[in-house]
């Protein structure tokens, strides 16, 4: 799998990873750190086609000079529509849980521990983002916060299940 990912990143500039069997499905990019010197992108609870379109639009904007590294709200053109998204940095303790193949991709290049990633959040029907004061609480369940460190208990449980 790692070699397939490396070949796709080499040919297309990034790889789209879809984790549909997780408790909360998510998608993320692999390869932006090497091809665009930009943090990887991760989003939760979107249909894969929608997540792919979102990431493709973001990568197109990155190629035109836009950066999505700073926490905050951005407007993004996806096809003919403009969407508001919220960017959050992903805490490094979250990387093994959600970004394993991205970590492996960098490790193959001798870049252990260099992974950076940002979470792309989408708003509720009123335009409020997860964990904002007035946000629909259901949205908080669909988009877990990755900008905060894992608790000691969460880390221990992960490593108990999956090893180092």
C-alpha atoms as a PDB file:
ATOM      1  CA  UNK A   1       0.000   0.000   0.000  1.00  0.00           C
ATOM      2  CA  UNK A   2       2.784   2.445   0.892  1.00  0.00           C
ATOM      3  CA  UNK A   3       4.362   2.013  -2.538  1.00  0.00           C
ATOM      4  CA  UNK A   4       1.005   2.550  -4.268  1.00  0.00           C
ATOM      5  CA  UNK A   5       0.504   5.755  -2.280  1.00  0.00           C
ATOM      6  CA  UNK A   6       4.011   6.958  -3.137  1.00  0.00           C
ATOM      7  CA  UNK A   7       3.401   6.320  -6.844  1.00  0.00           C
ATOM      8  CA  UNK A   8       0.099   8.217  -6.837  1.00  0.00           C
ATOM      9  CA  UNK A   9       1.641  11.139  -4.906  1.00  0.00           C
ATOM     10  CA  UNK A  10       4.542  11.199  -7.377  1.00  0.00           C
ATOM     11  CA  UNK A  11       2.185  11.191 -10.352  1.00  0.00           C
ATOM     12  CA  UNK A  12      -0.687  13.389  -9.096  1.00  0.00           C
ATOM     13  CA  UNK A  13       0.793  15.380  -6.205  1.00  0.00           C
ATOM     14  CA  UNK A  14      -1.455  13.892  -3.513  1.00  0.00           C
ATOM     15  CA  UNK A  15      -3.377  10.807  -2.463  1.00  0.00           C
ATOM     16  CA  UNK A  16      -6.974  10.732  -1.208  1.00  0.00           C
ATOM     17  CA  UNK A  17      -7.467   8.416   1.773  1.00  0.00           C
ATOM     18  CA  UNK A  18     -11.044   7.441   2.647  1.00  0.00           C
ATOM     19  CA  UNK A  19     -11.594   5.743   6.009  1.00  0.00           C
ATOM     20  CA  UNK A  20     -15.224   4.691   5.753  1.00  0.00           C
ATOM     21  CA  UNK A  21     -15.170   1.956   8.401  1.00  0.00           C
ATOM     22  CA  UNK A  22     -14.298   4.219  11.344  1.00  0.00           C
ATOM     23  CA  UNK A  23     -16.890   5.065  14.014  1.00  0.00           C
ATOM     24  CA  UNK A  24     -16.941   8.538  12.457  1.00  0.00           C
ATOM     25  CA  UNK A  25     -15.891   8.226   8.792  1.00  0.00           C
ATOM     26  CA  UNK A  26     -13.181  10.582   7.586  1.00  0.00           C
ATOM     27  CA  UNK A  27     -10.995  11.413   4.613  1.00  0.00           C
ATOM     28  CA  UNK A  28      -7.521  12.886   4.458  1.00  0.00           C
ATOM     29  CA  UNK A  29      -4.732  13.761   2.085  1.00  0.00           C
ATOM     30  CA  UNK A  30      -1.310  12.205   1.824  1.00  0.00           C
ATOM     31  CA  UNK A  31       1.579  13.904   0.087  1.00  0.00           C
ATOM     32  CA  UNK A  32       0.883  17.624   0.475  1.00  0.00           C
ATOM     33  CA  UNK A  33       3.808  17.874   2.904  1.00  0.00           C
ATOM     34  CA  UNK A  34       6.188  16.746   0.160  1.00  0.00           C
ATOM     35  CA  UNK A  35       4.637  18.150  -3.009  1.00  0.00           C
ATOM     36  CA  UNK A  36       3.246  21.458  -1.738  1.00  0.00           C
ATOM     37  CA  UNK A  37       5.052  22.011   1.584  1.00  0.00           C
ATOM     38  CA  UNK A  38       1.607  22.311   3.125  1.00  0.00           C
ATOM     39  CA  UNK A  39      -0.019  20.481   6.047  1.00  0.00           C
ATOM     40  CA  UNK A  40      -2.187  17.496   5.161  1.00  0.00           C
ATOM     41  CA  UNK A  41      -5.982  17.984   5.198  1.00  0.00           C
ATOM     42  CA  UNK A  42      -8.521  15.908   7.136  1.00  0.00           C
ATOM     43  CA  UNK A  43     -12.327  16.163   7.264  1.00  0.00           C
ATOM     44  CA  UNK A  44     -15.007  14.088   8.986  1.00  0.00           C
ATOM     45  CA  UNK A  45     -18.498  12.876   8.085  1.00  0.00           C
ATOM     46  CA  UNK A  46     -18.514  13.982   4.461  1.00  0.00           C
ATOM     47  CA  UNK A  47     -19.394  11.705   1.584  1.00  0.00           C
ATOM     48  CA  UNK A  48     -16.116  10.706  -0.106  1.00  0.00           C
ATOM     49  CA  UNK A  49     -17.028  12.468  -3.365  1.00  0.00           C
ATOM     50  CA  UNK A  50     -17.793  15.693  -1.468  1.00  0.00           C
ATOM     51  CA  UNK A  51     -14.588  15.433   0.569  1.00  0.00           C
ATOM     52  CA  UNK A  52     -12.584  14.803  -2.606  1.00  0.00           C
ATOM     53  CA  UNK A  53     -14.113  17.881  -4.273  1.00  0.00           C
ATOM     54  CA  UNK A  54     -13.408  19.965  -1.166  1.00  0.00           C
ATOM     55  CA  UNK A  55      -9.779  18.821  -0.988  1.00  0.00           C
ATOM     56  CA  UNK A  56      -9.283  19.280  -4.739  1.00  0.00           C
ATOM     57  CA  UNK A  57     -10.558  22.870  -4.483  1.00  0.00           C
ATOM     58  CA  UNK A  58      -8.295  23.527  -1.504  1.00  0.00           C
ATOM     59  CA  UNK A  59      -5.277  22.057  -3.302  1.00  0.00           C
ATOM     60  CA  UNK A  60      -6.048  24.169  -6.364  1.00  0.00           C
ATOM     61  CA  UNK A  61      -6.114  27.230  -4.088  1.00  0.00           C
ATOM     62  CA  UNK A  62      -2.829  26.103  -2.482  1.00  0.00           C
ATOM     63  CA  UNK A  63      -1.263  25.852  -5.938  1.00  0.00           C
ATOM     64  CA  UNK A  64      -2.367  29.453  -6.527  1.00  0.00           C
ATOM     65  CA  UNK A  65      -0.716  30.639  -3.292  1.00  0.00           C
ATOM     66  CA  UNK A  66      -3.444  30.293  -0.653  1.00  0.00           C
ATOM     67  CA  UNK A  67      -2.378  28.669   2.611  1.00  0.00           C
ATOM     68  CA  UNK A  68      -4.655  26.819   5.018  1.00  0.00           C
ATOM     69  CA  UNK A  69      -2.280  26.648   7.965  1.00  0.00           C
ATOM     70  CA  UNK A  70      -3.745  29.233  10.318  1.00  0.00           C
ATOM     71  CA  UNK A  71      -6.747  28.480  12.500  1.00  0.00           C
ATOM     72  CA  UNK A  72      -9.750  30.457  11.325  1.00  0.00           C
ATOM     73  CA  UNK A  73     -12.633  30.685   8.898  1.00  0.00           C
ATOM     74  CA  UNK A  74     -11.999  30.806   5.154  1.00  0.00           C
ATOM     75  CA  UNK A  75     -14.179  31.081   2.088  1.00  0.00           C
ATOM     76  CA  UNK A  76     -13.497  28.537  -0.625  1.00  0.00           C
ATOM     77  CA  UNK A  77     -14.798  28.227  -4.147  1.00  0.00           C
ATOM     78  CA  UNK A  78     -15.875  24.619  -4.807  1.00  0.00           C
ATOM     79  CA  UNK A  79     -17.219  24.394  -8.338  1.00  0.00           C
ATOM     80  CA  UNK A  80     -19.715  27.235  -8.740  1.00  0.00           C
ATOM     81  CA  UNK A  81     -20.465  27.483  -5.007  1.00  0.00           C
ATOM     82  CA  UNK A  82     -18.663  29.387  -2.280  1.00  0.00           C
ATOM     83  CA  UNK A  83     -18.355  27.544   1.016  1.00  0.00           C
ATOM     84  CA  UNK A  84     -17.231  28.643   4.454  1.00  0.00           C
ATOM     85  CA  UNK A  85     -14.825  26.286   6.180  1.00  0.00           C
ATOM     86  CA  UNK A  86     -13.037  26.435   9.492  1.00  0.00           C
ATOM     87  CA  UNK A  87      -9.414  25.373   9.762  1.00  0.00           C
ATOM     88  CA  UNK A  88      -7.927  23.915  12.935  1.00  0.00           C
ATOM     89  CA  UNK A  89      -4.410  22.577  13.453  1.00  0.00           C
ATOM     90  CA  UNK A  90      -4.309  18.879  14.305  1.00  0.00           C
ATOM     91  CA  UNK A  91      -2.458  18.166  17.542  1.00  0.00           C
ATOM     92  CA  UNK A  92       0.461  15.740  16.968  1.00  0.00           C
ATOM     93  CA  UNK A  93      -0.935  13.291  19.545  1.00  0.00           C
ATOM     94  CA  UNK A  94      -3.887  12.758  17.163  1.00  0.00           C
ATOM     95  CA  UNK A  95      -1.704  11.828  14.171  1.00  0.00           C
ATOM     96  CA  UNK A  96      -1.390   8.075  14.884  1.00  0.00           C
ATOM     97  CA  UNK A  97      -5.159   7.710  15.282  1.00  0.00           C
ATOM     98  CA  UNK A  98      -6.151   9.434  12.065  1.00  0.00           C
ATOM     99  CA  UNK A  99      -3.168  10.002   9.782  1.00  0.00           C
ATOM    100  CA  UNK A 100      -1.220   6.744   9.864  1.00  0.00           C
ATOM    101  CA  UNK A 101      -0.563   6.464   6.129  1.00  0.00           C
ATOM    102  CA  UNK A 102       0.505  10.120   5.956  1.00  0.00           C
ATOM    103  CA  UNK A 103       2.954   9.432   8.789  1.00  0.00           C
ATOM    104  CA  UNK A 104       4.194   6.348   6.936  1.00  0.00           C
ATOM    105  CA  UNK A 105       4.624   8.312   3.703  1.00  0.00           C
ATOM    106  CA  UNK A 106       6.899  10.832   5.415  1.00  0.00           C
ATOM    107  CA  UNK A 107       8.735   8.106   7.334  1.00  0.00           C
ATOM    108  CA  UNK A 108       9.629   6.419   4.018  1.00  0.00           C
ATOM    109  CA  UNK A 109      11.293   9.695   3.059  1.00  0.00           C
ATOM    110  CA  UNK A 110      13.273   9.890   6.286  1.00  0.00           C
ATOM    111  CA  UNK A 111      11.060  12.663   7.644  1.00  0.00           C
ATOM    112  CA  UNK A 112       9.955  11.020  10.891  1.00  0.00           C
ATOM    113  CA  UNK A 113       8.018  13.335  13.179  1.00  0.00           C
ATOM    114  CA  UNK A 114       7.572  16.109  10.606  1.00  0.00           C
ATOM    115  CA  UNK A 115       3.893  15.559   9.858  1.00  0.00           C
ATOM    116  CA  UNK A 116       1.622  18.571  10.116  1.00  0.00           C
ATOM    117  CA  UNK A 117      -2.098  18.500   9.410  1.00  0.00           C
ATOM    118  CA  UNK A 118      -5.147  20.740   9.558  1.00  0.00           C
ATOM    119  CA  UNK A 119      -8.740  19.743  10.153  1.00  0.00           C
ATOM    120  CA  UNK A 120     -11.281  21.162   7.720  1.00  0.00           C
ATOM    121  CA  UNK A 121     -14.607  21.731   9.497  1.00  0.00           C
ATOM    122  CA  UNK A 122     -17.953  22.502   7.903  1.00  0.00           C
ATOM    123  CA  UNK A 123     -20.778  24.545   9.472  1.00  0.00           C
ATOM    124  CA  UNK A 124     -24.290  23.652  10.557  1.00  0.00           C
ATOM    125  CA  UNK A 125     -27.422  24.895   8.783  1.00  0.00           C
ATOM    126  CA  UNK A 126     -27.107  28.306  10.521  1.00  0.00           C
ATOM    127  CA  UNK A 127     -23.436  28.735   9.627  1.00  0.00           C
ATOM    128  CA  UNK A 128     -22.029  27.905  13.082  1.00  0.00           C
ATOM    129  CA  UNK A 129     -19.010  25.613  13.289  1.00  0.00           C
ATOM    130  CA  UNK A 130     -18.459  22.635  15.602  1.00  0.00           C
ATOM    131  CA  UNK A 131     -17.870  23.613  19.212  1.00  0.00           C
ATOM    132  CA  UNK A 132     -18.954  27.219  18.614  1.00  0.00           C
ATOM    133  CA  UNK A 133     -21.403  28.396  21.267  1.00  0.00           C
ATOM    134  CA  UNK A 134     -24.548  28.235  19.090  1.00  0.00           C
ATOM    135  CA  UNK A 135     -23.596  25.267  16.917  1.00  0.00           C
ATOM    136  CA  UNK A 136     -26.006  22.379  16.522  1.00  0.00           C
ATOM    137  CA  UNK A 137     -24.692  19.844  19.113  1.00  0.00           C
ATOM    138  CA  UNK A 138     -25.099  16.988  16.613  1.00  0.00           C
ATOM    139  CA  UNK A 139     -22.354  18.554  14.510  1.00  0.00           C
ATOM    140  CA  UNK A 140     -19.944  18.233  17.451  1.00  0.00           C
ATOM    141  CA  UNK A 141     -20.488  14.462  17.324  1.00  0.00           C
ATOM    142  CA  UNK A 142     -19.844  14.332  13.576  1.00  0.00           C
ATOM    143  CA  UNK A 143     -16.610  16.348  13.654  1.00  0.00           C
ATOM    144  CA  UNK A 144     -14.372  15.487  16.617  1.00  0.00           C
ATOM    145  CA  UNK A 145     -11.864  18.093  17.736  1.00  0.00           C
ATOM    146  CA  UNK A 146      -8.367  17.173  16.665  1.00  0.00           C
ATOM    147  CA  UNK A 147      -6.752  20.422  17.806  1.00  0.00           C
ATOM    148  CA  UNK A 148      -6.576  19.253  21.411  1.00  0.00           C
ATOM    149  CA  UNK A 149      -4.192  16.583  22.715  1.00  0.00           C
ATOM    150  CA  UNK A 150      -5.394  13.085  23.436  1.00  0.00           C
ATOM    151  CA  UNK A 151      -5.852  12.335  27.099  1.00  0.00           C
ATOM    152  CA  UNK A 152      -3.440   9.880  28.704  1.00  0.00           C
ATOM    153  CA  UNK A 153      -6.289   7.351  28.821  1.00  0.00           C
ATOM    154  CA  UNK A 154      -7.061   7.763  25.088  1.00  0.00           C
ATOM    155  CA  UNK A 155      -3.385   7.369  24.177  1.00  0.00           C
ATOM    156  CA  UNK A 156      -3.001   4.301  26.357  1.00  0.00           C
ATOM    157  CA  UNK A 157      -6.123   2.731  24.830  1.00  0.00           C
ATOM    158  CA  UNK A 158      -4.867   3.387  21.287  1.00  0.00           C
ATOM    159  CA  UNK A 159      -1.437   1.879  21.941  1.00  0.00           C
ATOM    160  CA  UNK A 160      -2.976  -1.061  23.831  1.00  0.00           C
ATOM    161  CA  UNK A 161      -5.128  -1.848  20.789  1.00  0.00           C
ATOM    162  CA  UNK A 162      -2.716  -1.104  17.975  1.00  0.00           C
ATOM    163  CA  UNK A 163       0.772  -1.146  19.477  1.00  0.00           C
ATOM    164  CA  UNK A 164       3.426   1.441  18.818  1.00  0.00           C
END
